[in-house]
Amino acid sequence: MDCGVWGVGAVHLIGLEGESKMTAKEELHRLVDQLPASEWEHAKSVPEELCDDADDRPLSSETLASIERGLEDIRAGRTITLEELERKYGV
């Protein structure tokens, strides 16, 4: 099961009052921790299905266009090295 495509976000949501809310990943962990042992096997199948489905989804036309623009940049030599990028952005 490789779910790299999905990557559950780790961005904290901020409520109207400014209080920090749980991330989606934290909420999933909380829910799993509350499950009785008798439900663990079924619960495990849900993210496995999501990951399997993610691998079968076709890329959107916007994503394909973005990939093509990147490939065109590479063919035209519009690239920089990692070292140049690090210098440019102070990384």
C-alpha atoms as a PDB file:
ATOM      1  CA  MET A   1       0.000   0.000   0.000  1.00  0.00           C
ATOM      2  CA  ASP A   2       1.686   3.167  -1.207  1.00  0.00           C
ATOM      3  CA  CYS A   3      -0.439   6.167  -0.414  1.00  0.00           C
ATOM      4  CA  GLY A   4       2.061   8.843  -1.339  1.00  0.00           C
ATOM      5  CA  VAL A   5      -0.393  10.406  -3.758  1.00  0.00           C
ATOM      6  CA  TRP A   6      -2.833  11.218  -0.990  1.00  0.00           C
ATOM      7  CA  GLY A   7      -0.501  12.503   1.738  1.00  0.00           C
ATOM      8  CA  VAL A   8      -2.832  13.419   4.555  1.00  0.00           C
ATOM      9  CA  GLY A   9      -2.214  17.089   5.292  1.00  0.00           C
ATOM     10  CA  ALA A  10      -0.507  18.295   8.410  1.00  0.00           C
ATOM     11  CA  VAL A  11      -1.791  21.848   8.247  1.00  0.00           C
ATOM     12  CA  HIS A  12      -3.539  22.968  11.411  1.00  0.00           C
ATOM     13  CA  LEU A  13      -6.931  24.535  10.933  1.00  0.00           C
ATOM     14  CA  ILE A  14      -7.580  27.724  12.873  1.00  0.00           C
ATOM     15  CA  GLY A  15     -11.060  28.362  14.214  1.00  0.00           C
ATOM     16  CA  LEU A  16     -12.841  31.691  14.233  1.00  0.00           C
ATOM     17  CA  GLU A  17     -11.606  32.373  17.747  1.00  0.00           C
ATOM     18  CA  GLY A  18      -8.015  31.594  16.718  1.00  0.00           C
ATOM     19  CA  GLU A  19      -7.833  28.289  18.602  1.00  0.00           C
ATOM     20  CA  SER A  20      -5.859  25.530  16.934  1.00  0.00           C
ATOM     21  CA  LYS A  21      -7.953  22.662  15.551  1.00  0.00           C
ATOM     22  CA  MET A  22      -6.819  19.091  14.991  1.00  0.00           C
ATOM     23  CA  THR A  23      -5.315  18.235  11.624  1.00  0.00           C
ATOM     24  CA  ALA A  24      -7.130  15.670   9.525  1.00  0.00           C
ATOM     25  CA  LYS A  25      -4.402  13.164  10.344  1.00  0.00           C
ATOM     26  CA  GLU A  26      -4.690  13.824  14.080  1.00  0.00           C
ATOM     27  CA  GLU A  27      -8.469  13.433  13.886  1.00  0.00           C
ATOM     28  CA  LEU A  28      -8.081  10.114  12.044  1.00  0.00           C
ATOM     29  CA  HIS A  29      -5.673   8.893  14.723  1.00  0.00           C
ATOM     30  CA  ARG A  30      -8.110   9.950  17.439  1.00  0.00           C
ATOM     31  CA  LEU A  31     -10.952   8.073  15.784  1.00  0.00           C
ATOM     32  CA  VAL A  32      -8.869   4.938  15.257  1.00  0.00           C
ATOM     33  CA  ASP A  33      -7.755   5.016  18.885  1.00  0.00           C
ATOM     34  CA  GLN A  34     -11.420   4.952  19.947  1.00  0.00           C
ATOM     35  CA  LEU A  35     -12.302   1.877  17.871  1.00  0.00           C
ATOM     36  CA  PRO A  36     -12.925  -1.383  19.703  1.00  0.00           C
ATOM     37  CA  ALA A  37     -10.493  -4.169  18.788  1.00  0.00           C
ATOM     38  CA  SER A  38     -13.294  -6.030  17.047  1.00  0.00           C
ATOM     39  CA  GLU A  39     -13.397  -3.264  14.372  1.00  0.00           C
ATOM     40  CA  TRP A  40      -9.651  -2.967  13.667  1.00  0.00           C
ATOM     41  CA  GLU A  41      -9.564  -5.301  10.672  1.00  0.00           C
ATOM     42  CA  HIS A  42     -12.496  -3.552   8.993  1.00  0.00           C
ATOM     43  CA  ALA A  43     -11.048  -0.110   9.751  1.00  0.00           C
ATOM     44  CA  LYS A  44      -7.728  -1.125   8.189  1.00  0.00           C
ATOM     45  CA  SER A  45      -9.453  -1.938   4.901  1.00  0.00           C
ATOM     46  CA  VAL A  46     -10.796   1.607   4.442  1.00  0.00           C
ATOM     47  CA  PRO A  47      -7.471   3.447   3.939  1.00  0.00           C
ATOM     48  CA  GLU A  48      -6.156   0.476   1.962  1.00  0.00           C
ATOM     49  CA  GLU A  49      -9.075   0.877  -0.457  1.00  0.00           C
ATOM     50  CA  LEU A  50      -8.496   4.619  -0.718  1.00  0.00           C
ATOM     51  CA  CYS A  51      -4.836   4.066  -1.540  1.00  0.00           C
ATOM     52  CA  ASP A  52      -5.622   1.390  -4.097  1.00  0.00           C
ATOM     53  CA  ASP A  53      -8.210   3.652  -5.748  1.00  0.00           C
ATOM     54  CA  ALA A  54      -5.790   6.600  -5.806  1.00  0.00           C
ATOM     55  CA  ASP A  55      -3.365   4.632  -7.953  1.00  0.00           C
ATOM     56  CA  ASP A  56      -6.085   3.987 -10.559  1.00  0.00           C
ATOM     57  CA  ARG A  57      -7.361   7.549 -10.941  1.00  0.00           C
ATOM     58  CA  PRO A  58      -6.506   9.276 -14.213  1.00  0.00           C
ATOM     59  CA  LEU A  59      -4.648  12.579 -13.972  1.00  0.00           C
ATOM     60  CA  SER A  60      -6.728  15.698 -14.580  1.00  0.00           C
ATOM     61  CA  SER A  61      -6.247  17.726 -17.745  1.00  0.00           C
ATOM     62  CA  GLU A  62      -4.799  20.536 -15.602  1.00  0.00           C
ATOM     63  CA  THR A  63      -2.223  18.183 -14.092  1.00  0.00           C
ATOM     64  CA  LEU A  64      -1.308  16.757 -17.492  1.00  0.00           C
ATOM     65  CA  ALA A  65      -0.910  20.290 -18.892  1.00  0.00           C
ATOM     66  CA  SER A  66       1.312  21.254 -15.960  1.00  0.00           C
ATOM     67  CA  ILE A  67       3.494  18.192 -16.512  1.00  0.00           C
ATOM     68  CA  GLU A  68       3.771  19.014 -20.213  1.00  0.00           C
ATOM     69  CA  ARG A  69       4.814  22.622 -19.418  1.00  0.00           C
ATOM     70  CA  GLY A  70       7.517  21.262 -17.110  1.00  0.00           C
ATOM     71  CA  LEU A  71       8.768  18.871 -19.776  1.00  0.00           C
ATOM     72  CA  GLU A  72       8.838  21.730 -22.308  1.00  0.00           C
ATOM     73  CA  ASP A  73      10.926  23.779 -19.866  1.00  0.00           C
ATOM     74  CA  ILE A  74      13.368  20.893 -19.514  1.00  0.00           C
ATOM     75  CA  ARG A  75      13.626  20.434 -23.306  1.00  0.00           C
ATOM     76  CA  ALA A  76      14.214  24.185 -23.736  1.00  0.00           C
ATOM     77  CA  GLY A  77      16.915  24.194 -21.062  1.00  0.00           C
ATOM     78  CA  ARG A  78      14.911  26.356 -18.652  1.00  0.00           C
ATOM     79  CA  THR A  79      16.264  24.604 -15.583  1.00  0.00           C
ATOM     80  CA  ILE A  80      18.557  25.404 -12.665  1.00  0.00           C
ATOM     81  CA  THR A  81      20.638  23.158 -10.455  1.00  0.00           C
ATOM     82  CA  LEU A  82      19.703  22.353  -6.880  1.00  0.00           C
ATOM     83  CA  GLU A  83      22.651  24.475  -5.729  1.00  0.00           C
ATOM     84  CA  GLU A  84      21.361  27.472  -7.726  1.00  0.00           C
ATOM     85  CA  LEU A  85      17.892  27.050  -6.250  1.00  0.00           C
ATOM     86  CA  GLU A  86      19.307  26.878  -2.708  1.00  0.00           C
ATOM     87  CA  ARG A  87      21.370  30.036  -3.277  1.00  0.00           C
ATOM     88  CA  LYS A  88      18.426  31.877  -4.828  1.00  0.00           C
ATOM     89  CA  TYR A  89      16.050  31.074  -1.942  1.00  0.00           C
ATOM     90  CA  GLY A  90      18.599  30.982   0.870  1.00  0.00           C
ATOM     91  CA  VAL A  91      17.996  27.367   1.730  1.00  0.00           C
END
